[in-house]
Structures are given as C-alpha cells and as structure tokens.
Amino acid sequence: MPADLAVLGLGQLGLPAARAATAAGIGTVGFLADPDAAAGINAGRPPAGGSLSAAELRRMLAAGFRASSDPADLGRVRTALICAATPPGAGHAPDLSAVREAAQALAPVLRPRMLVVLESTVHPGTTRDVLRPLLERGSGLRAGRDFHLAHAPGRLDPGSRTVGYAGIPRVIGGLTPACTEAAAAFYGRLADKVVRARGVQEAEAVKLLETNFRHVNIALVNEMAVLCHELGIDVWDVVRCAESKPFGFLAFRPGPGVGGRAAACDPGGRLRLVELAREVNERMPRYVTQRAAALLNEHGKSARGAHVLLLGVTYRPDLPDRQGAPAGEIASRLLTLGAELMFHDPFVAEWRVAGRPVARADSLYESAAAADLTLLLQHHSTYDLQGLAAKAQLLLDTRGATPAGAAHRL
C-alpha cells in the first residue's frame, strides 16, 4: 500500500497516530533519522518505554505500515504529522531540537498542497514563528498559500481501557481557515469528533491549559496531603467525600510526584500559579523520603542501613513508561541517606539510579517480609496490596490504594 501519510517521530504521540491511521486504511510511513531504529521497528521491535506492544506493532506492519530513514519517502505523501518529542529544556521550556530536525528533513521534499501538522507539545507561537520559517526556507513554498500548516495538540490517555484514539476529540487550529479545514478533513478520518480552534495559537494554548490544569490541581491536593498528615486527618477520605459533590469539584489525588512527559508550562514566566504548582510538586519526592525515614525512626530503625523495597517505578500504572516518574529521585534520596534498595515492577526488568543498578526483587512477598520498609510508589493492578500489607514489616502507601488501616498512607 503506497504511503499517503508520514509520521515524523515514533514516540509517545507518533506511534499511536501511525497505528490509528494504519487501522483506518491510510498508507502510513513512520520517519526516523536513525536507520537502526527504523530497521528495529520494521523487524517488529517497538521502542523501549512506549505503550505499544510487539503484537500491536506486528499487526501494524502486516497492515502495511513501515518505518523509514529515507527523507525521499516524505515527499511522496499528502500529509505529514510532526510528532517529535519536546522534553523540558532550559528554564522548563520545551526543547524544540527534534521538531527542528523533523522540519529540516521534511522541508526539501515538501510539495504544493501538502498538509503539515505539528502535534508536539510547544509554547503558543511555535508553529507560526519556528516551524513555518523552517519549512518555507527549506522548500521555497509559502505556508497558507502553497501548503497547509496546522497544529493539533496531542491528546492521549496511555493504557486507557475506556477511551481509544478515535474517542478523543481532536482540536485543530490552522494558519489560515483553509489550513484548518484541510487538517479537520484529515483528522475526521481518525477521530469521532473534531473541534476547530479559532487559529493556530489558540490550538497551541489548549495544550498549555490542559497540562497546567493537571499540574495545578495535583499541587493543591499534594499540599492538602501534607497538611492533613500534620493534623492527623485522612486525606484520602477527604477526597472521597468531596468528590460526591455533583458540581464545582473535580477529584485529583495526591502522590509521590507528578511524572509524565508533559511538564508544567509557563511561557515567559507569566503564570505565577503554574510556577508555584511546579515548586509544590517538585517537593513531593523529598517529602516522601522524609516520611519514609520518619516511619523507620518511629519503629526504632535508621534509614542508614535500612532495607527498603520500592514497588512500582513507572510513571503510570500497568505501563512500562518511566518518563518523569518520581521513583528515581526518591530512590536517589534514600541512597543518599544510606538505605539499601531493592525494587519490584512487573513492567521493568532492570533499573538504574544515579548510574547504579538497583537489585530487582524476584520473590515479591518474601522481599516485602524481609524489607524494613516497603514503599508503594505506583499501584499496578497485579499487586495484591492487602496481601502485601500483611507480609510487609512496614508499608508506606503513597497512592492511597491500600484498604484503610492496612498500611501507612501519604
């Protein structure tokens, strides 16, 4: 099947988009600059840390999907999605290096009437002021006149069993109204609903609002967790009761840190509440470490030399993604205190902290019984927390997943 769509960047955004397009019968090629990485995908090996299984990738390949490192393949399609990763860089701003590299690969083969959509998480103005000049200079074409340019903020719920790719409405904002309509026509083939933004910057700002909404609300409930612990109040019961209100409240739950690939965004340092939320959330790994040390001390043990078992080191439950997971910082702080660590995670075979390998617990219950402290950092569905609570000498649950009274909770 000849490719009609190119997806540049086969990571957290790109692979799901390529999978959805392939399932919709759209000939799709995934572009990677690294020939070895492209060959690995074509051999059925999904990228490490992603949400796509080997079986799902094999089904995509059988349906005609392929990966390529040849820029010439980009010039044969009608639509190109730039899904390059934009991890936090200097000053917490998105690092646009991979976006620029994708644009530089695409620009020389850009053809008239092609649709280019940026899905990467960026600050408002990036599509117009960064991507557009790169594409225009490299192609000699003009965006909005010779080719269509738009932004569609990435919206995914990895691991969700209830909402699939098609069920998530897609926001579209084009450089011109014609660009918006071209992008809407494309995403209408993948999603059940398309929402047209007024323009490209409005579409970019949607992701800014959605991401910061999550971070600010998590910061609030994290501060409540610290306060409630000091007052001897069960914060988990507080949240349970509060979410019974049918209006004006949306439940968030505390945890050991935020994690994830979308960091809180504050373009130009003008969103003071977002900066404060980042500070609150970045303190949580330190707070969890302090709680762990205090709990050991209350039971006549020092953190130095204590055997600590960490349960769940990924960012989300039942997924291998460790991007931004707070487990790394917590482990590093515990090592600094002199603790001896083991970990268990059904989705992680090997784990290193500060360049040092952490031993993996092969027998979960035996390791919990032997550890001075078991620290639940991620609640994978395979964990029998009631059974673990009965086995563990001390169990500190940072996710509020254990039955009330079965363990110490954040």
Protein backbone atom coordinates (compact mmCIF):
# COMPACT_ATOMS: atom_id res chain seq x y z
CA MET A 1 0.00 0.00 0.00
CA PRO A 2 1.61 3.32 -1.06
CA ALA A 3 2.12 5.74 1.81
CA ASP A 4 -0.22 8.74 1.97
CA LEU A 5 0.80 9.84 5.49
CA ALA A 6 4.21 10.38 7.06
CA VAL A 7 4.60 10.48 10.83
CA LEU A 8 7.85 12.11 11.88
CA GLY A 9 8.80 10.83 15.32
CA LEU A 10 7.62 7.43 16.52
CA GLY A 11 7.35 8.05 20.24
CA GLN A 12 4.53 8.68 22.67
CA LEU A 13 2.49 10.64 20.10
CA GLY A 14 3.74 9.30 16.80
CA LEU A 15 3.22 5.57 17.17
CA PRO A 16 -0.43 5.84 18.33
CA ALA A 17 -1.13 8.24 15.44
CA ALA A 18 0.50 5.85 12.97
CA ARG A 19 -1.43 2.95 14.46
CA ALA A 20 -4.76 4.78 14.18
CA ALA A 21 -4.06 5.85 10.60
CA THR A 22 -2.99 2.36 9.56
CA ALA A 23 -6.15 0.90 11.13
CA ALA A 24 -8.20 3.45 9.17
CA GLY A 25 -6.71 2.17 5.92
CA ILE A 26 -4.32 5.10 5.39
CA GLY A 27 -0.97 4.07 3.95
CA THR A 28 1.48 5.27 6.61
CA VAL A 29 5.23 5.57 6.85
CA GLY A 30 6.99 6.45 10.09
CA PHE A 31 10.11 8.55 9.69
CA LEU A 32 13.13 8.19 11.96
CA ALA A 33 16.52 9.73 11.27
CA ASP A 34 18.28 6.70 12.78
CA PRO A 35 18.37 3.82 10.24
CA ASP A 36 18.93 1.25 13.01
CA ALA A 37 15.84 2.45 14.89
CA ALA A 38 13.76 2.25 11.70
CA ALA A 39 15.08 -1.26 11.00
CA GLY A 40 14.21 -2.32 14.55
CA ILE A 41 10.61 -1.20 14.15
CA ASN A 42 10.32 -2.93 10.77
CA ALA A 43 11.59 -6.08 12.48
CA GLY A 44 8.73 -5.85 14.97
CA ARG A 45 10.61 -4.36 17.94
CA PRO A 46 8.68 -1.45 19.47
CA PRO A 47 10.67 1.40 21.04
CA ALA A 48 11.54 0.86 24.70
CA GLY A 49 9.29 2.58 27.21
CA GLY A 50 6.40 3.05 24.80
CA SER A 51 2.79 1.96 25.15
CA LEU A 52 2.77 -0.20 22.01
CA SER A 53 3.27 -3.94 22.40
CA ALA A 54 5.21 -6.11 19.99
CA ALA A 55 1.97 -7.83 18.94
CA GLU A 56 0.33 -4.48 18.14
CA LEU A 57 3.35 -3.40 16.11
CA ARG A 58 3.29 -6.67 14.16
CA ARG A 59 -0.36 -6.07 13.29
CA MET A 60 0.52 -2.59 12.04
CA LEU A 61 3.32 -3.97 9.88
CA ALA A 62 1.02 -6.65 8.48
CA ALA A 63 -1.46 -3.90 7.55
CA GLY A 64 1.17 -2.05 5.52
CA PHE A 65 2.88 0.29 8.00
CA ARG A 66 6.64 0.67 7.72
CA ALA A 67 9.37 2.81 9.17
CA SER A 68 11.93 4.65 7.05
CA SER A 69 15.00 6.81 7.48
CA ASP A 70 14.97 7.96 3.84
CA PRO A 71 13.74 11.60 3.54
CA ALA A 72 12.66 10.88 -0.04
CA ASP A 73 9.75 8.89 1.38
CA LEU A 74 8.43 12.10 2.93
CA GLY A 75 7.98 13.68 -0.48
CA ARG A 76 5.50 11.04 -1.65
CA VAL A 77 2.75 11.71 0.90
CA ARG A 78 -0.06 14.23 1.10
CA THR A 79 0.01 14.67 4.90
CA ALA A 80 2.89 14.87 7.36
CA LEU A 81 2.48 14.82 11.14
CA ILE A 82 5.38 16.11 13.20
CA CYS A 83 5.19 14.22 16.49
CA ALA A 84 8.73 14.86 17.72
CA ALA A 85 9.41 14.72 21.45
CA THR A 86 9.78 18.10 23.21
CA PRO A 87 11.16 17.30 26.67
CA PRO A 88 11.67 20.17 29.15
CA GLY A 89 14.81 22.09 28.34
CA ALA A 90 16.42 25.23 29.71
CA GLY A 91 14.06 27.09 32.03
CA HIS A 92 11.48 24.29 31.69
CA ALA A 93 10.70 25.43 28.12
CA PRO A 94 10.08 22.66 25.55
CA ASP A 95 13.26 21.55 23.80
CA LEU A 96 12.49 22.04 20.11
CA SER A 97 15.62 20.32 18.76
CA ALA A 98 13.73 17.28 17.46
CA VAL A 99 11.00 19.49 15.94
CA ARG A 100 13.61 21.47 14.06
CA GLU A 101 15.31 18.29 12.84
CA ALA A 102 11.98 16.94 11.59
CA ALA A 103 11.24 20.20 9.79
CA GLN A 104 14.68 20.22 8.17
CA ALA A 105 14.15 16.67 6.92
CA LEU A 106 10.69 17.48 5.55
CA ALA A 107 11.30 20.91 4.01
CA PRO A 108 13.43 19.89 0.96
CA VAL A 109 10.78 17.40 -0.20
CA LEU A 110 7.71 19.47 0.72
CA ARG A 111 5.25 19.59 -2.16
CA PRO A 112 2.45 22.03 -3.03
CA ARG A 113 -0.93 21.28 -1.38
CA MET A 114 0.71 19.08 1.28
CA LEU A 115 -0.72 19.27 4.80
CA VAL A 116 1.79 19.61 7.64
CA VAL A 117 0.51 19.30 11.22
CA LEU A 118 2.56 19.80 14.36
CA GLU A 119 1.36 17.60 17.23
CA SER A 120 4.33 18.10 19.56
CA THR A 121 3.78 19.95 22.83
CA VAL A 122 5.01 23.51 22.28
CA HIS A 123 4.52 27.03 23.53
CA PRO A 124 1.99 29.24 21.67
CA GLY A 125 3.59 30.78 18.61
CA THR A 126 5.91 27.86 17.80
CA THR A 127 4.05 26.64 14.71
CA ARG A 128 3.96 30.11 13.21
CA ASP A 129 7.31 31.50 14.37
CA VAL A 130 9.58 28.43 14.45
CA LEU A 131 8.16 25.68 12.24
CA ARG A 132 6.78 27.87 9.47
CA PRO A 133 10.09 29.66 8.64
CA LEU A 134 11.99 26.37 8.62
CA LEU A 135 9.55 24.81 6.17
CA GLU A 136 9.35 27.88 3.96
CA ARG A 137 13.10 28.45 3.74
CA GLY A 138 13.82 24.80 3.02
CA SER A 139 11.09 24.36 0.41
CA GLY A 140 10.69 27.73 -1.28
CA LEU A 141 6.94 27.36 -0.70
CA ARG A 142 4.70 29.61 1.36
CA ALA A 143 2.57 28.26 4.20
CA GLY A 144 -1.11 29.04 3.83
CA ARG A 145 -0.74 29.64 0.11
CA ASP A 146 1.26 26.72 -1.31
CA PHE A 147 0.85 24.21 1.51
CA HIS A 148 -1.33 23.82 4.58
CA LEU A 149 0.08 24.23 8.09
CA ALA A 150 -1.76 23.49 11.33
CA HIS A 151 -1.38 22.48 14.95
CA ALA A 152 -3.25 19.64 16.65
CA PRO A 153 -2.27 19.29 20.33
CA GLY A 154 -1.50 15.72 21.29
CA ARG A 155 -4.28 14.15 23.35
CA LEU A 156 -3.72 10.62 24.56
CA ASP A 157 -4.61 8.57 27.62
CA PRO A 158 -1.98 5.79 27.51
CA GLY A 159 -3.19 2.48 28.83
CA SER A 160 -6.84 3.57 28.97
CA ARG A 161 -9.30 0.73 28.56
CA THR A 162 -12.25 3.07 28.10
CA VAL A 163 -11.17 5.81 25.67
CA GLY A 164 -9.35 4.91 22.49
CA TYR A 165 -7.71 7.14 19.90
CA ALA A 166 -10.91 7.70 17.94
CA GLY A 167 -12.91 8.56 21.05
CA ILE A 168 -10.76 11.55 21.98
CA PRO A 169 -11.93 14.78 20.27
CA ARG A 170 -9.13 16.43 18.28
CA VAL A 171 -8.57 20.16 18.45
CA ILE A 172 -7.38 21.68 15.16
CA GLY A 173 -6.02 25.15 14.52
CA GLY A 174 -4.66 26.20 11.13
CA LEU A 175 -2.53 29.07 9.94
CA THR A 176 -5.46 30.06 7.72
CA PRO A 177 -9.10 28.93 7.62
CA ALA A 178 -8.24 26.73 4.63
CA CYS A 179 -5.43 25.14 6.65
CA THR A 180 -7.87 24.43 9.47
CA GLU A 181 -10.32 22.75 7.11
CA ALA A 182 -7.60 20.63 5.50
CA ALA A 183 -6.48 19.42 8.92
CA ALA A 184 -10.06 18.85 10.03
CA ALA A 185 -10.72 16.72 6.97
CA PHE A 186 -7.69 14.56 7.77
CA TYR A 187 -8.43 14.09 11.48
CA GLY A 188 -12.06 13.41 10.67
CA ARG A 189 -10.82 10.08 9.32
CA LEU A 190 -9.20 9.20 12.67
CA ALA A 191 -11.38 10.77 15.37
CA ASP A 192 -15.10 10.74 16.07
CA LYS A 193 -15.11 14.48 16.73
CA VAL A 194 -13.03 17.41 15.50
CA VAL A 195 -13.04 20.75 17.33
CA ARG A 196 -11.92 23.77 15.30
CA ALA A 197 -9.93 26.39 17.19
CA ARG A 198 -10.01 30.00 16.03
CA GLY A 199 -6.38 29.80 14.93
CA VAL A 200 -3.09 28.01 15.31
CA GLN A 201 -2.06 29.79 18.52
CA GLU A 202 -5.39 29.03 20.16
CA ALA A 203 -4.83 25.35 19.39
CA GLU A 204 -1.33 25.51 20.89
CA ALA A 205 -2.70 27.21 24.02
CA VAL A 206 -5.21 24.38 24.51
CA LYS A 207 -2.39 22.02 25.46
CA LEU A 208 -0.91 24.70 27.72
CA LEU A 209 -4.20 24.98 29.61
CA GLU A 210 -4.84 21.23 29.80
CA THR A 211 -1.35 20.44 31.07
CA ASN A 212 -1.29 23.24 33.63
CA PHE A 213 -4.79 22.35 34.85
CA ARG A 214 -3.47 18.93 35.80
CA HIS A 215 -0.32 20.21 37.49
CA VAL A 216 -2.08 22.95 39.46
CA ASN A 217 -4.77 20.62 40.78
CA ILE A 218 -2.25 17.93 41.72
CA ALA A 219 -0.24 20.58 43.56
CA LEU A 220 -3.32 21.61 45.52
CA VAL A 221 -4.15 18.08 46.62
CA ASN A 222 -0.47 17.39 47.40
CA GLU A 223 -0.43 20.39 49.73
CA MET A 224 -3.66 19.12 51.28
CA ALA A 225 -1.99 15.74 51.86
CA VAL A 226 0.89 17.35 53.76
CA LEU A 227 -1.48 19.49 55.82
CA CYS A 228 -3.84 16.60 56.58
CA HIS A 229 -0.94 14.41 57.76
CA GLU A 230 0.20 17.14 60.15
CA LEU A 231 -3.36 17.44 61.51
CA GLY A 232 -3.94 13.70 61.75
CA ILE A 233 -6.61 13.76 59.03
CA ASP A 234 -7.10 11.04 56.38
CA VAL A 235 -6.70 13.00 53.12
CA TRP A 236 -7.96 10.05 51.08
CA ASP A 237 -11.25 10.09 52.96
CA VAL A 238 -11.45 13.86 52.45
CA VAL A 239 -11.11 13.44 48.68
CA ARG A 240 -13.62 10.57 48.67
CA CYS A 241 -16.22 12.69 50.40
CA ALA A 242 -15.50 15.83 48.36
CA GLU A 243 -15.98 14.05 45.04
CA SER A 244 -19.56 13.27 45.99
CA LYS A 245 -20.35 16.91 45.16
CA PRO A 246 -22.04 16.85 41.74
CA PHE A 247 -20.84 20.30 40.69
CA GLY A 248 -17.83 22.59 41.07
CA PHE A 249 -15.33 19.88 42.06
CA LEU A 250 -13.10 17.51 40.12
CA ALA A 251 -11.23 14.91 42.15
CA PHE A 252 -7.43 14.72 41.99
CA ARG A 253 -5.40 12.52 44.28
CA PRO A 254 -2.01 13.12 45.90
CA GLY A 255 1.07 11.10 45.09
CA PRO A 256 4.85 10.97 45.30
CA GLY A 257 5.27 13.34 42.34
CA VAL A 258 3.62 14.25 39.06
CA GLY A 259 5.66 12.44 36.42
CA GLY A 260 4.73 12.16 32.77
CA ARG A 261 6.06 13.70 29.58
CA ALA A 262 4.09 16.96 29.68
CA ALA A 263 5.73 19.29 32.18
CA ALA A 264 4.00 22.33 33.60
CA CYS A 265 4.37 25.16 31.07
CA ASP A 266 4.87 28.84 31.83
CA PRO A 267 5.85 30.80 28.70
CA GLY A 268 7.85 33.81 29.74
CA GLY A 269 7.33 33.25 33.47
CA ARG A 270 3.93 34.97 33.44
CA LEU A 271 1.80 32.23 35.01
CA ARG A 272 2.66 32.61 38.68
CA LEU A 273 0.25 29.92 39.83
CA VAL A 274 1.89 27.40 37.49
CA GLU A 275 5.35 28.21 38.85
CA LEU A 276 4.09 27.71 42.40
CA ALA A 277 2.45 24.42 41.43
CA ARG A 278 5.74 23.21 39.95
CA GLU A 279 7.56 24.06 43.17
CA VAL A 280 4.97 22.20 45.27
CA ASN A 281 5.03 19.09 43.08
CA GLU A 282 8.82 19.03 42.83
CA ARG A 283 8.97 18.92 46.64
CA MET A 284 6.94 15.71 46.88
CA PRO A 285 9.80 13.20 46.32
CA ARG A 286 11.70 14.88 49.16
CA TYR A 287 8.60 14.79 51.35
CA VAL A 288 8.04 11.07 50.63
CA THR A 289 11.67 10.37 51.53
CA GLN A 290 11.26 12.28 54.80
CA ARG A 291 8.09 10.36 55.60
CA ALA A 292 9.88 7.07 54.91
CA ALA A 293 12.82 8.00 57.17
CA ALA A 294 10.47 9.20 59.93
CA LEU A 295 8.45 5.99 59.76
CA LEU A 296 11.59 3.90 60.10
CA ASN A 297 12.70 6.06 63.02
CA GLU A 298 9.32 5.65 64.76
CA HIS A 299 9.89 1.89 64.66
CA GLY A 300 13.40 2.07 66.08
CA LYS A 301 15.28 1.89 62.79
CA SER A 302 17.58 4.27 60.98
CA ALA A 303 17.40 5.00 57.28
CA ARG A 304 21.12 4.24 57.13
CA GLY A 305 21.46 0.55 56.51
CA ALA A 306 17.70 0.00 56.27
CA HIS A 307 16.47 -2.43 53.59
CA VAL A 308 13.84 -0.60 51.54
CA LEU A 309 11.71 -2.22 48.82
CA LEU A 310 10.28 0.13 46.21
CA LEU A 311 7.11 -1.09 44.49
CA GLY A 312 6.27 0.33 41.07
CA VAL A 313 8.84 2.63 39.44
CA THR A 314 6.90 3.64 36.30
CA TYR A 315 5.03 6.86 35.69
CA ARG A 316 1.61 5.27 35.14
CA PRO A 317 0.06 2.04 36.40
CA ASP A 318 0.25 -1.01 34.14
CA LEU A 319 2.58 0.67 31.63
CA PRO A 320 6.37 0.50 31.22
CA ASP A 321 6.78 4.27 30.70
CA ARG A 322 9.20 5.73 33.28
CA GLN A 323 9.32 9.25 31.82
CA GLY A 324 9.41 11.72 34.73
CA ALA A 325 8.46 9.07 37.30
CA PRO A 326 9.28 10.29 40.83
CA ALA A 327 10.70 6.89 41.80
CA GLY A 328 14.15 7.84 40.53
CA GLU A 329 14.51 10.90 42.73
CA ILE A 330 13.06 9.11 45.77
CA ALA A 331 15.49 6.23 45.29
CA SER A 332 18.41 8.64 44.90
CA ARG A 333 17.47 10.43 48.11
CA LEU A 334 17.14 7.15 50.00
CA LEU A 335 20.56 6.06 48.76
CA THR A 336 21.99 9.35 50.00
CA LEU A 337 20.54 8.55 53.43
CA GLY A 338 22.38 5.23 53.33
CA ALA A 339 19.43 2.92 52.66
CA GLU A 340 19.89 -0.35 50.80
CA LEU A 341 17.37 -0.62 47.98
CA MET A 342 15.52 -3.26 46.03
CA PHE A 343 12.69 -2.70 43.58
CA HIS A 344 9.85 -4.60 42.05
CA ASP A 345 7.89 -3.65 38.97
CA PRO A 346 6.17 -6.15 36.63
CA PHE A 347 6.94 -3.86 33.67
CA VAL A 348 10.60 -3.10 34.39
CA ALA A 349 13.31 -5.76 34.20
CA GLU A 350 16.31 -3.54 35.02
CA TRP A 351 16.58 -0.20 36.78
CA ARG A 352 19.48 2.13 37.47
CA VAL A 353 19.54 5.12 39.79
CA ALA A 354 22.34 7.68 39.59
CA GLY A 355 24.22 5.23 37.40
CA ARG A 356 23.97 2.43 39.96
CA PRO A 357 21.95 -0.75 39.31
CA VAL A 358 19.16 -1.43 41.80
CA ALA A 359 18.55 -5.10 42.58
CA ARG A 360 15.22 -6.46 41.37
CA ALA A 361 13.14 -8.47 43.82
CA ASP A 362 12.32 -11.84 42.28
CA SER A 363 10.02 -13.02 45.07
CA LEU A 364 7.71 -10.13 45.90
CA TYR A 365 6.20 -11.39 49.15
CA GLU A 366 9.46 -12.73 50.53
CA SER A 367 11.20 -9.46 49.73
CA ALA A 368 8.43 -7.44 51.38
CA ALA A 369 8.66 -9.60 54.50
CA ALA A 370 12.43 -9.16 54.65
CA ALA A 371 12.48 -5.40 53.99
CA ASP A 372 12.48 -2.93 56.86
CA LEU A 373 10.18 -0.73 54.78
CA THR A 374 8.13 -1.35 51.65
CA LEU A 375 7.29 1.82 49.75
CA LEU A 376 4.45 1.74 47.21
CA LEU A 377 5.17 4.33 44.51
CA GLN A 378 2.93 3.01 41.73
CA HIS A 379 -0.17 0.87 42.06
CA HIS A 380 -0.02 -1.76 39.31
CA SER A 381 -3.16 -3.88 39.08
CA THR A 382 -1.15 -7.07 39.67
CA TYR A 383 -0.30 -6.01 43.22
CA ASP A 384 -2.37 -7.64 45.96
CA LEU A 385 -1.99 -4.79 48.40
CA GLN A 386 -3.92 -6.43 51.20
CA GLY A 387 -1.63 -9.47 50.97
CA LEU A 388 1.45 -7.26 50.77
CA ALA A 389 0.31 -5.23 53.78
CA ALA A 390 0.02 -8.45 55.76
CA LYS A 391 3.52 -9.57 54.76
CA ALA A 392 5.43 -6.30 54.99
CA GLN A 393 7.06 -5.18 58.22
CA LEU A 394 6.19 -1.58 57.34
CA LEU A 395 4.26 -0.41 54.28
CA LEU A 396 4.06 3.24 53.22
CA ASP A 397 1.44 3.71 50.51
CA THR A 398 1.89 6.92 48.51
CA ARG A 399 -1.11 6.19 46.27
CA GLY A 400 -3.87 5.62 48.82
CA ALA A 401 -4.54 2.24 47.25
CA THR A 402 -4.40 0.03 50.36
CA PRO A 403 -7.51 -0.55 52.48
CA ALA A 404 -7.88 1.94 55.32
CA GLY A 405 -5.82 0.84 58.31
CA ALA A 406 -3.83 -1.75 56.36
CA ALA A 407 -0.79 0.48 55.84
CA HIS A 408 0.64 3.91 56.50
CA ARG A 409 -0.61 6.23 53.79
CA LEU A 410 0.69 9.51 52.40
